[in-house]
Amino acid sequence: NVGEEPGKGNELCKQTYKLLQAAPIHF
């Protein structure tokens, strides 16, 4: 992404961030 803070980036990054938070991985 273009920054470390949550909510940064375009819509793809913002929506992906939410999904990765809920995924069974070490995000």
mmCIF file of all heavy atoms, coordinates in Angstrom:
data_MODEL
# 
_entry.id   MODEL 
# 
loop_
_atom_site.group_PDB 
_atom_site.id 
_atom_site.type_symbol 
_atom_site.label_atom_id 
_atom_site.label_alt_id 
_atom_site.label_comp_id 
_atom_site.label_asym_id 
_atom_site.label_entity_id 
_atom_site.label_seq_id 
_atom_site.pdbx_PDB_ins_code 
_atom_site.Cartn_x 
_atom_site.Cartn_y 
_atom_site.Cartn_z 
_atom_site.occupancy 
_atom_site.B_iso_or_equiv 
_atom_site.pdbx_formal_charge 
_atom_site.auth_seq_id 
_atom_site.auth_comp_id 
_atom_site.auth_asym_id 
_atom_site.auth_atom_id 
_atom_site.pdbx_PDB_model_num 
ATOM 1   N N   . ASN A 1 1  ? 0.843   -1.188  0.000  1.00 0.00 ? 1  ASN A N   1 
ATOM 2   C CA  . ASN A 1 1  ? 0.000   0.000   0.000  1.00 0.00 ? 1  ASN A CA  1 
ATOM 3   C C   . ASN A 1 1  ? 0.884   1.246   0.000  1.00 0.00 ? 1  ASN A C   1 
ATOM 4   O O   . ASN A 1 1  ? 2.119   1.150   0.099  1.00 0.00 ? 1  ASN A O   1 
ATOM 5   C CB  . ASN A 1 1  ? -0.927  -0.014  1.228  1.00 0.00 ? 1  ASN A CB  1 
ATOM 6   C CG  . ASN A 1 1  ? -2.234  0.715   0.975  1.00 0.00 ? 1  ASN A CG  1 
ATOM 7   O OD1 . ASN A 1 1  ? -2.291  1.662   0.191  1.00 0.00 ? 1  ASN A OD1 1 
ATOM 8   N ND2 . ASN A 1 1  ? -3.290  0.283   1.652  1.00 0.00 ? 1  ASN A ND2 1 
ATOM 9   N N   . VAL A 1 2  ? 0.252   2.416   -0.074 1.00 0.00 ? 2  VAL A N   1 
ATOM 10  C CA  . VAL A 1 2  ? 0.992   3.682   -0.116 1.00 0.00 ? 2  VAL A CA  1 
ATOM 11  C C   . VAL A 1 2  ? 1.266   4.226   1.277  1.00 0.00 ? 2  VAL A C   1 
ATOM 12  O O   . VAL A 1 2  ? 1.908   5.266   1.429  1.00 0.00 ? 2  VAL A O   1 
ATOM 13  C CB  . VAL A 1 2  ? 0.219   4.731   -0.942 1.00 0.00 ? 2  VAL A CB  1 
ATOM 14  C CG1 . VAL A 1 2  ? 0.131   4.306   -2.394 1.00 0.00 ? 2  VAL A CG1 1 
ATOM 15  C CG2 . VAL A 1 2  ? -1.172  4.972   -0.363 1.00 0.00 ? 2  VAL A CG2 1 
ATOM 16  N N   . GLY A 1 3  ? 0.785   3.567   2.310  1.00 0.00 ? 3  GLY A N   1 
ATOM 17  C CA  . GLY A 1 3  ? 1.020   3.974   3.681  1.00 0.00 ? 3  GLY A CA  1 
ATOM 18  C C   . GLY A 1 3  ? 0.733   2.825   4.625  1.00 0.00 ? 3  GLY A C   1 
ATOM 19  O O   . GLY A 1 3  ? 0.044   1.868   4.259  1.00 0.00 ? 3  GLY A O   1 
ATOM 20  N N   . GLU A 1 4  ? 1.247   2.892   5.831  1.00 0.00 ? 4  GLU A N   1 
ATOM 21  C CA  . GLU A 1 4  ? 1.076   1.806   6.791  1.00 0.00 ? 4  GLU A CA  1 
ATOM 22  C C   . GLU A 1 4  ? -0.275  1.847   7.502  1.00 0.00 ? 4  GLU A C   1 
ATOM 23  O O   . GLU A 1 4  ? -0.775  0.809   7.946  1.00 0.00 ? 4  GLU A O   1 
ATOM 24  C CB  . GLU A 1 4  ? 2.187   1.871   7.844  1.00 0.00 ? 4  GLU A CB  1 
ATOM 25  C CG  . GLU A 1 4  ? 3.584   1.662   7.280  1.00 0.00 ? 4  GLU A CG  1 
ATOM 26  C CD  . GLU A 1 4  ? 4.645   1.773   8.352  1.00 0.00 ? 4  GLU A CD  1 
ATOM 27  O OE1 . GLU A 1 4  ? 4.272   2.023   9.531  1.00 0.00 ? 4  GLU A OE1 1 
ATOM 28  O OE2 . GLU A 1 4  ? 5.832   1.599   8.038  1.00 0.00 ? 4  GLU A OE2 1 
ATOM 29  N N   . GLU A 1 5  ? -0.874  3.030   7.616  1.00 0.00 ? 5  GLU A N   1 
ATOM 30  C CA  . GLU A 1 5  ? -2.080  3.173   8.417  1.00 0.00 ? 5  GLU A CA  1 
ATOM 31  C C   . GLU A 1 5  ? -3.282  2.480   7.768  1.00 0.00 ? 5  GLU A C   1 
ATOM 32  O O   . GLU A 1 5  ? -3.438  2.504   6.544  1.00 0.00 ? 5  GLU A O   1 
ATOM 33  C CB  . GLU A 1 5  ? -2.418  4.664   8.623  1.00 0.00 ? 5  GLU A CB  1 
ATOM 34  C CG  . GLU A 1 5  ? -1.309  5.488   9.247  1.00 0.00 ? 5  GLU A CG  1 
ATOM 35  C CD  . GLU A 1 5  ? -0.290  5.973   8.234  1.00 0.00 ? 5  GLU A CD  1 
ATOM 36  O OE1 . GLU A 1 5  ? -0.441  5.670   7.027  1.00 0.00 ? 5  GLU A OE1 1 
ATOM 37  O OE2 . GLU A 1 5  ? 0.667   6.653   8.646  1.00 0.00 ? 5  GLU A OE2 1 
ATOM 38  N N   . PRO A 1 6  ? -4.152  1.864   8.585  1.00 0.00 ? 6  PRO A N   1 
ATOM 39  C CA  . PRO A 1 6  ? -5.406  1.290   8.062  1.00 0.00 ? 6  PRO A CA  1 
ATOM 40  C C   . PRO A 1 6  ? -6.238  2.406   7.403  1.00 0.00 ? 6  PRO A C   1 
ATOM 41  O O   . PRO A 1 6  ? -6.237  3.550   7.867  1.00 0.00 ? 6  PRO A O   1 
ATOM 42  C CB  . PRO A 1 6  ? -6.105  0.763   9.313  1.00 0.00 ? 6  PRO A CB  1 
ATOM 43  C CG  . PRO A 1 6  ? -5.015  0.549   10.309 1.00 0.00 ? 6  PRO A CG  1 
ATOM 44  C CD  . PRO A 1 6  ? -3.996  1.623   10.036 1.00 0.00 ? 6  PRO A CD  1 
ATOM 45  N N   . GLY A 1 7  ? -6.910  2.079   6.328  1.00 0.00 ? 7  GLY A N   1 
ATOM 46  C CA  . GLY A 1 7  ? -7.716  3.077   5.634  1.00 0.00 ? 7  GLY A CA  1 
ATOM 47  C C   . GLY A 1 7  ? -6.982  3.780   4.522  1.00 0.00 ? 7  GLY A C   1 
ATOM 48  O O   . GLY A 1 7  ? -7.573  4.585   3.788  1.00 0.00 ? 7  GLY A O   1 
ATOM 49  N N   . LYS A 1 8  ? -5.690  3.486   4.359  1.00 0.00 ? 8  LYS A N   1 
ATOM 50  C CA  . LYS A 1 8  ? -4.914  4.081   3.277  1.00 0.00 ? 8  LYS A CA  1 
ATOM 51  C C   . LYS A 1 8  ? -5.202  3.380   1.947  1.00 0.00 ? 8  LYS A C   1 
ATOM 52  O O   . LYS A 1 8  ? -5.673  2.245   1.910  1.00 0.00 ? 8  LYS A O   1 
ATOM 53  C CB  . LYS A 1 8  ? -3.421  3.950   3.575  1.00 0.00 ? 8  LYS A CB  1 
ATOM 54  C CG  . LYS A 1 8  ? -2.882  4.951   4.582  1.00 0.00 ? 8  LYS A CG  1 
ATOM 55  C CD  . LYS A 1 8  ? -2.587  6.279   3.899  1.00 0.00 ? 8  LYS A CD  1 
ATOM 56  C CE  . LYS A 1 8  ? -1.841  7.208   4.850  1.00 0.00 ? 8  LYS A CE  1 
ATOM 57  N NZ  . LYS A 1 8  ? -1.458  8.474   4.188  1.00 0.00 ? 8  LYS A NZ  1 
ATOM 58  N N   . GLY A 1 9  ? -4.892  4.069   0.853  1.00 0.00 ? 9  GLY A N   1 
ATOM 59  C CA  . GLY A 1 9  ? -4.939  3.437   -0.460 1.00 0.00 ? 9  GLY A CA  1 
ATOM 60  C C   . GLY A 1 9  ? -6.254  3.575   -1.184 1.00 0.00 ? 9  GLY A C   1 
ATOM 61  O O   . GLY A 1 9  ? -7.178  4.275   -0.750 1.00 0.00 ? 9  GLY A O   1 
ATOM 62  N N   . ASN A 1 10 ? -6.352  2.860   -2.300 1.00 0.00 ? 10 ASN A N   1 
ATOM 63  C CA  . ASN A 1 10 ? -7.572  2.871   -3.106 1.00 0.00 ? 10 ASN A CA  1 
ATOM 64  C C   . ASN A 1 10 ? -8.598  1.898   -2.529 1.00 0.00 ? 10 ASN A C   1 
ATOM 65  O O   . ASN A 1 10 ? -8.369  1.249   -1.508 1.00 0.00 ? 10 ASN A O   1 
ATOM 66  C CB  . ASN A 1 10 ? -7.244  2.530   -4.568 1.00 0.00 ? 10 ASN A CB  1 
ATOM 67  C CG  . ASN A 1 10 ? -6.507  1.208   -4.703 1.00 0.00 ? 10 ASN A CG  1 
ATOM 68  O OD1 . ASN A 1 10 ? -6.541  0.361   -3.806 1.00 0.00 ? 10 ASN A OD1 1 
ATOM 69  N ND2 . ASN A 1 10 ? -5.829  1.017   -5.827 1.00 0.00 ? 10 ASN A ND2 1 
ATOM 70  N N   . GLU A 1 11 ? -9.735  1.794   -3.203 1.00 0.00 ? 11 GLU A N   1 
ATOM 71  C CA  . GLU A 1 11 ? -10.815 0.950   -2.685 1.00 0.00 ? 11 GLU A CA  1 
ATOM 72  C C   . GLU A 1 11 ? -10.410 -0.524  -2.630 1.00 0.00 ? 11 GLU A C   1 
ATOM 73  O O   . GLU A 1 11 ? -10.814 -1.260  -1.733 1.00 0.00 ? 11 GLU A O   1 
ATOM 74  C CB  . GLU A 1 11 ? -12.075 1.106   -3.542 1.00 0.00 ? 11 GLU A CB  1 
ATOM 75  C CG  . GLU A 1 11 ? -12.850 2.378   -3.253 1.00 0.00 ? 11 GLU A CG  1 
ATOM 76  C CD  . GLU A 1 11 ? -13.242 2.491   -1.786 1.00 0.00 ? 11 GLU A CD  1 
ATOM 77  O OE1 . GLU A 1 11 ? -13.814 1.518   -1.243 1.00 0.00 ? 11 GLU A OE1 1 
ATOM 78  O OE2 . GLU A 1 11 ? -12.973 3.538   -1.176 1.00 0.00 ? 11 GLU A OE2 1 
ATOM 79  N N   . LEU A 1 12 ? -9.600  -0.956  -3.594 1.00 0.00 ? 12 LEU A N   1 
ATOM 80  C CA  . LEU A 1 12 ? -9.134  -2.348  -3.586 1.00 0.00 ? 12 LEU A CA  1 
ATOM 81  C C   . LEU A 1 12 ? -8.359  -2.627  -2.298 1.00 0.00 ? 12 LEU A C   1 
ATOM 82  O O   . LEU A 1 12 ? -8.596  -3.641  -1.625 1.00 0.00 ? 12 LEU A O   1 
ATOM 83  C CB  . LEU A 1 12 ? -8.245  -2.609  -4.803 1.00 0.00 ? 12 LEU A CB  1 
ATOM 84  C CG  . LEU A 1 12 ? -7.537  -3.973  -4.837 1.00 0.00 ? 12 LEU A CG  1 
ATOM 85  C CD1 . LEU A 1 12 ? -8.554  -5.112  -4.894 1.00 0.00 ? 12 LEU A CD1 1 
ATOM 86  C CD2 . LEU A 1 12 ? -6.574  -4.055  -6.027 1.00 0.00 ? 12 LEU A CD2 1 
ATOM 87  N N   . CYS A 1 13 ? -7.438  -1.757  -1.951 1.00 0.00 ? 13 CYS A N   1 
ATOM 88  C CA  . CYS A 1 13 ? -6.632  -1.955  -0.742 1.00 0.00 ? 13 CYS A CA  1 
ATOM 89  C C   . CYS A 1 13 ? -7.485  -1.862  0.521  1.00 0.00 ? 13 CYS A C   1 
ATOM 90  O O   . CYS A 1 13 ? -7.300  -2.647  1.467  1.00 0.00 ? 13 CYS A O   1 
ATOM 91  C CB  . CYS A 1 13 ? -5.504  -0.921  -0.690 1.00 0.00 ? 13 CYS A CB  1 
ATOM 92  S SG  . CYS A 1 13 ? -4.209  -1.195  -1.914 1.00 0.00 ? 13 CYS A SG  1 
ATOM 93  N N   . LYS A 1 14 ? -8.415  -0.924  0.568  1.00 0.00 ? 14 LYS A N   1 
ATOM 94  C CA  . LYS A 1 14 ? -9.249  -0.755  1.754  1.00 0.00 ? 14 LYS A CA  1 
ATOM 95  C C   . LYS A 1 14 ? -10.117 -1.990  2.005  1.00 0.00 ? 14 LYS A C   1 
ATOM 96  O O   . LYS A 1 14 ? -10.238 -2.454  3.140  1.00 0.00 ? 14 LYS A O   1 
ATOM 97  C CB  . LYS A 1 14 ? -10.133 0.478   1.605  1.00 0.00 ? 14 LYS A CB  1 
ATOM 98  C CG  . LYS A 1 14 ? -9.369  1.797   1.617  1.00 0.00 ? 14 LYS A CG  1 
ATOM 99  C CD  . LYS A 1 14 ? -10.287 2.975   1.350  1.00 0.00 ? 14 LYS A CD  1 
ATOM 100 C CE  . LYS A 1 14 ? -9.517  4.281   1.311  1.00 0.00 ? 14 LYS A CE  1 
ATOM 101 N NZ  . LYS A 1 14 ? -10.385 5.442   0.991  1.00 0.00 ? 14 LYS A NZ  1 
ATOM 102 N N   . GLN A 1 15 ? -10.720 -2.520  0.944  1.00 0.00 ? 15 GLN A N   1 
ATOM 103 C CA  . GLN A 1 15 ? -11.568 -3.701  1.095  1.00 0.00 ? 15 GLN A CA  1 
ATOM 104 C C   . GLN A 1 15 ? -10.739 -4.948  1.386  1.00 0.00 ? 15 GLN A C   1 
ATOM 105 O O   . GLN A 1 15 ? -11.127 -5.798  2.187  1.00 0.00 ? 15 GLN A O   1 
ATOM 106 C CB  . GLN A 1 15 ? -12.417 -3.907  -0.159 1.00 0.00 ? 15 GLN A CB  1 
ATOM 107 C CG  . GLN A 1 15 ? -13.433 -2.808  -0.420 1.00 0.00 ? 15 GLN A CG  1 
ATOM 108 C CD  . GLN A 1 15 ? -14.355 -2.597  0.777  1.00 0.00 ? 15 GLN A CD  1 
ATOM 109 O OE1 . GLN A 1 15 ? -14.862 -3.545  1.363  1.00 0.00 ? 15 GLN A OE1 1 
ATOM 110 N NE2 . GLN A 1 15 ? -14.569 -1.338  1.136  1.00 0.00 ? 15 GLN A NE2 1 
ATOM 111 N N   . THR A 1 16 ? -9.582  -5.043  0.738  1.00 0.00 ? 16 THR A N   1 
ATOM 112 C CA  . THR A 1 16 ? -8.714  -6.200  0.966  1.00 0.00 ? 16 THR A CA  1 
ATOM 113 C C   . THR A 1 16 ? -8.219  -6.217  2.404  1.00 0.00 ? 16 THR A C   1 
ATOM 114 O O   . THR A 1 16 ? -8.126  -7.287  3.035  1.00 0.00 ? 16 THR A O   1 
ATOM 115 C CB  . THR A 1 16 ? -7.517  -6.172  0.003  1.00 0.00 ? 16 THR A CB  1 
ATOM 116 O OG1 . THR A 1 16 ? -7.995  -6.200  -1.351 1.00 0.00 ? 16 THR A OG1 1 
ATOM 117 C CG2 . THR A 1 16 ? -6.617  -7.377  0.218  1.00 0.00 ? 16 THR A CG2 1 
ATOM 118 N N   . TYR A 1 17 ? -7.906  -5.055  2.949  1.00 0.00 ? 17 TYR A N   1 
ATOM 119 C CA  . TYR A 1 17 ? -7.430  -4.957  4.329  1.00 0.00 ? 17 TYR A CA  1 
ATOM 120 C C   . TYR A 1 17 ? -8.436  -5.606  5.283  1.00 0.00 ? 17 TYR A C   1 
ATOM 121 O O   . TYR A 1 17 ? -8.052  -6.375  6.180  1.00 0.00 ? 17 TYR A O   1 
ATOM 122 C CB  . TYR A 1 17 ? -7.226  -3.493  4.692  1.00 0.00 ? 17 TYR A CB  1 
ATOM 123 C CG  . TYR A 1 17 ? -6.492  -3.269  6.003  1.00 0.00 ? 17 TYR A CG  1 
ATOM 124 C CD1 . TYR A 1 17 ? -5.132  -2.985  6.020  1.00 0.00 ? 17 TYR A CD1 1 
ATOM 125 C CD2 . TYR A 1 17 ? -7.161  -3.338  7.228  1.00 0.00 ? 17 TYR A CD2 1 
ATOM 126 C CE1 . TYR A 1 17 ? -4.449  -2.782  7.210  1.00 0.00 ? 17 TYR A CE1 1 
ATOM 127 C CE2 . TYR A 1 17 ? -6.493  -3.135  8.424  1.00 0.00 ? 17 TYR A CE2 1 
ATOM 128 C CZ  . TYR A 1 17 ? -5.138  -2.855  8.412  1.00 0.00 ? 17 TYR A CZ  1 
ATOM 129 O OH  . TYR A 1 17 ? -4.475  -2.669  9.601  1.00 0.00 ? 17 TYR A OH  1 
ATOM 130 N N   . LYS A 1 18 ? -9.707  -5.321  5.092  1.00 0.00 ? 18 LYS A N   1 
ATOM 131 C CA  . LYS A 1 18 ? -10.746 -5.883  5.955  1.00 0.00 ? 18 LYS A CA  1 
ATOM 132 C C   . LYS A 1 18 ? -10.785 -7.407  5.850  1.00 0.00 ? 18 LYS A C   1 
ATOM 133 O O   . LYS A 1 18 ? -10.912 -8.105  6.859  1.00 0.00 ? 18 LYS A O   1 
ATOM 134 C CB  . LYS A 1 18 ? -12.116 -5.309  5.576  1.00 0.00 ? 18 LYS A CB  1 
ATOM 135 C CG  . LYS A 1 18 ? -12.258 -3.813  5.772  1.00 0.00 ? 18 LYS A CG  1 
ATOM 136 C CD  . LYS A 1 18 ? -13.634 -3.357  5.292  1.00 0.00 ? 18 LYS A CD  1 
ATOM 137 C CE  . LYS A 1 18 ? -13.782 -1.849  5.383  1.00 0.00 ? 18 LYS A CE  1 
ATOM 138 N NZ  . LYS A 1 18 ? -15.117 -1.412  4.888  1.00 0.00 ? 18 LYS A NZ  1 
ATOM 139 N N   . LEU A 1 19 ? -10.662 -7.909  4.630  1.00 0.00 ? 19 LEU A N   1 
ATOM 140 C CA  . LEU A 1 19 ? -10.722 -9.360  4.434  1.00 0.00 ? 19 LEU A CA  1 
ATOM 141 C C   . LEU A 1 19 ? -9.515  -10.055 5.044  1.00 0.00 ? 19 LEU A C   1 
ATOM 142 O O   . LEU A 1 19 ? -9.649  -11.119 5.662  1.00 0.00 ? 19 LEU A O   1 
ATOM 143 C CB  . LEU A 1 19 ? -10.791 -9.680  2.935  1.00 0.00 ? 19 LEU A CB  1 
ATOM 144 C CG  . LEU A 1 19 ? -12.025 -9.181  2.168  1.00 0.00 ? 19 LEU A CG  1 
ATOM 145 C CD1 . LEU A 1 19 ? -11.950 -9.631  0.712  1.00 0.00 ? 19 LEU A CD1 1 
ATOM 146 C CD2 . LEU A 1 19 ? -13.309 -9.669  2.807  1.00 0.00 ? 19 LEU A CD2 1 
ATOM 147 N N   . LEU A 1 20 ? -8.340  -9.452  4.887  1.00 0.00 ? 20 LEU A N   1 
ATOM 148 C CA  . LEU A 1 20 ? -7.133  -10.073 5.430  1.00 0.00 ? 20 LEU A CA  1 
ATOM 149 C C   . LEU A 1 20 ? -7.127  -10.056 6.956  1.00 0.00 ? 20 LEU A C   1 
ATOM 150 O O   . LEU A 1 20 ? -6.572  -10.957 7.593  1.00 0.00 ? 20 LEU A O   1 
ATOM 151 C CB  . LEU A 1 20 ? -5.885  -9.362  4.893  1.00 0.00 ? 20 LEU A CB  1 
ATOM 152 C CG  . LEU A 1 20 ? -5.658  -9.449  3.375  1.00 0.00 ? 20 LEU A CG  1 
ATOM 153 C CD1 . LEU A 1 20 ? -4.338  -8.787  2.996  1.00 0.00 ? 20 LEU A CD1 1 
ATOM 154 C CD2 . LEU A 1 20 ? -5.680  -10.888 2.896  1.00 0.00 ? 20 LEU A CD2 1 
ATOM 155 N N   . GLN A 1 21 ? -7.752  -9.038  7.545  1.00 0.00 ? 21 GLN A N   1 
ATOM 156 C CA  . GLN A 1 21 ? -7.870  -9.005  9.002  1.00 0.00 ? 21 GLN A CA  1 
ATOM 157 C C   . GLN A 1 21 ? -8.659  -10.201 9.531  1.00 0.00 ? 21 GLN A C   1 
ATOM 158 O O   . GLN A 1 21 ? -8.379  -10.708 10.616 1.00 0.00 ? 21 GLN A O   1 
ATOM 159 C CB  . GLN A 1 21 ? -8.567  -7.718  9.440  1.00 0.00 ? 21 GLN A CB  1 
ATOM 160 C CG  . GLN A 1 21 ? -7.664  -6.505  9.578  1.00 0.00 ? 21 GLN A CG  1 
ATOM 161 C CD  . GLN A 1 21 ? -8.398  -5.330  10.172 1.00 0.00 ? 21 GLN A CD  1 
ATOM 162 O OE1 . GLN A 1 21 ? -9.481  -4.947  9.708  1.00 0.00 ? 21 GLN A OE1 1 
ATOM 163 N NE2 . GLN A 1 21 ? -7.829  -4.748  11.216 1.00 0.00 ? 21 GLN A NE2 1 
ATOM 164 N N   . ALA A 1 22 ? -9.642  -10.633 8.745  1.00 0.00 ? 22 ALA A N   1 
ATOM 165 C CA  . ALA A 1 22 ? -10.519 -11.723 9.193  1.00 0.00 ? 22 ALA A CA  1 
ATOM 166 C C   . ALA A 1 22 ? -10.025 -13.100 8.765  1.00 0.00 ? 22 ALA A C   1 
ATOM 167 O O   . ALA A 1 22 ? -10.566 -14.114 9.197  1.00 0.00 ? 22 ALA A O   1 
ATOM 168 C CB  . ALA A 1 22 ? -11.929 -11.495 8.637  1.00 0.00 ? 22 ALA A CB  1 
ATOM 169 N N   . ALA A 1 23 ? -8.997  -13.137 7.926  1.00 0.00 ? 23 ALA A N   1 
ATOM 170 C CA  . ALA A 1 23 ? -8.512  -14.413 7.400  1.00 0.00 ? 23 ALA A CA  1 
ATOM 171 C C   . ALA A 1 23 ? -7.634  -15.129 8.422  1.00 0.00 ? 23 ALA A C   1 
ATOM 172 O O   . ALA A 1 23 ? -7.004  -14.494 9.272  1.00 0.00 ? 23 ALA A O   1 
ATOM 173 C CB  . ALA A 1 23 ? -7.721  -14.177 6.110  1.00 0.00 ? 23 ALA A CB  1 
ATOM 174 N N   . PRO A 1 24 ? -7.562  -16.463 8.342  1.00 0.00 ? 24 PRO A N   1 
ATOM 175 C CA  . PRO A 1 24 ? -6.727  -17.250 9.273  1.00 0.00 ? 24 PRO A CA  1 
ATOM 176 C C   . PRO A 1 24 ? -5.257  -17.231 8.871  1.00 0.00 ? 24 PRO A C   1 
ATOM 177 O O   . PRO A 1 24 ? -4.653  -18.266 8.564  1.00 0.00 ? 24 PRO A O   1 
ATOM 178 C CB  . PRO A 1 24 ? -7.331  -18.643 9.164  1.00 0.00 ? 24 PRO A CB  1 
ATOM 179 C CG  . PRO A 1 24 ? -7.849  -18.708 7.768  1.00 0.00 ? 24 PRO A CG  1 
ATOM 180 C CD  . PRO A 1 24 ? -8.345  -17.326 7.449  1.00 0.00 ? 24 PRO A CD  1 
ATOM 181 N N   . ILE A 1 25 ? -4.662  -16.050 8.851  1.00 0.00 ? 25 ILE A N   1 
ATOM 182 C CA  . ILE A 1 25 ? -3.263  -15.855 8.495  1.00 0.00 ? 25 ILE A CA  1 
ATOM 183 C C   . ILE A 1 25 ? -2.657  -14.868 9.484  1.00 0.00 ? 25 ILE A C   1 
ATOM 184 O O   . ILE A 1 25 ? -3.368  -14.206 10.243 1.00 0.00 ? 25 ILE A O   1 
ATOM 185 C CB  . ILE A 1 25 ? -3.094  -15.301 7.060  1.00 0.00 ? 25 ILE A CB  1 
ATOM 186 C CG1 . ILE A 1 25 ? -3.869  -13.981 6.919  1.00 0.00 ? 25 ILE A CG1 1 
ATOM 187 C CG2 . ILE A 1 25 ? -3.560  -16.320 6.027  1.00 0.00 ? 25 ILE A CG2 1 
ATOM 188 C CD1 . ILE A 1 25 ? -3.674  -13.294 5.589  1.00 0.00 ? 25 ILE A CD1 1 
ATOM 189 N N   . HIS A 1 26 ? -1.342  -14.748 9.479  1.00 0.00 ? 26 HIS A N   1 
ATOM 190 C CA  . HIS A 1 26 ? -0.655  -13.770 10.328 1.00 0.00 ? 26 HIS A CA  1 
ATOM 191 C C   . HIS A 1 26 ? -0.536  -12.467 9.552  1.00 0.00 ? 26 HIS A C   1 
ATOM 192 O O   . HIS A 1 26 ? 0.520   -12.152 8.971  1.00 0.00 ? 26 HIS A O   1 
ATOM 193 C CB  . HIS A 1 26 ? 0.714   -14.309 10.730 1.00 0.00 ? 26 HIS A CB  1 
ATOM 194 C CG  . HIS A 1 26 ? 1.467   -13.381 11.638 1.00 0.00 ? 26 HIS A CG  1 
ATOM 195 N ND1 . HIS A 1 26 ? 2.813   -13.538 11.903 1.00 0.00 ? 26 HIS A ND1 1 
ATOM 196 C CD2 . HIS A 1 26 ? 1.081   -12.282 12.343 1.00 0.00 ? 26 HIS A CD2 1 
ATOM 197 C CE1 . HIS A 1 26 ? 3.211   -12.579 12.711 1.00 0.00 ? 26 HIS A CE1 1 
ATOM 198 N NE2 . HIS A 1 26 ? 2.184   -11.803 12.989 1.00 0.00 ? 26 HIS A NE2 1 
ATOM 199 N N   . PHE A 1 27 ? -1.611  -11.681 9.545  1.00 0.00 ? 27 PHE A N   1 
ATOM 200 C CA  . PHE A 1 27 ? -1.653  -10.432 8.784  1.00 0.00 ? 27 PHE A CA  1 
ATOM 201 C C   . PHE A 1 27 ? -1.064  -9.310  9.630  1.00 0.00 ? 27 PHE A C   1 
ATOM 202 O O   . PHE A 1 27 ? -1.502  -9.052  10.750 1.00 0.00 ? 27 PHE A O   1 
ATOM 203 C CB  . PHE A 1 27 ? -3.095  -10.104 8.398  1.00 0.00 ? 27 PHE A CB  1 
ATOM 204 C CG  . PHE A 1 27 ? -3.257  -8.820  7.638  1.00 0.00 ? 27 PHE A CG  1 
ATOM 205 C CD1 . PHE A 1 27 ? -2.507  -8.571  6.507  1.00 0.00 ? 27 PHE A CD1 1 
ATOM 206 C CD2 . PHE A 1 27 ? -4.186  -7.863  8.049  1.00 0.00 ? 27 PHE A CD2 1 
ATOM 207 C CE1 . PHE A 1 27 ? -2.650  -7.391  5.795  1.00 0.00 ? 27 PHE A CE1 1 
ATOM 208 C CE2 . PHE A 1 27 ? -4.344  -6.682  7.345  1.00 0.00 ? 27 PHE A CE2 1 
ATOM 209 C CZ  . PHE A 1 27 ? -3.574  -6.438  6.218  1.00 0.00 ? 27 PHE A CZ  1 
# 
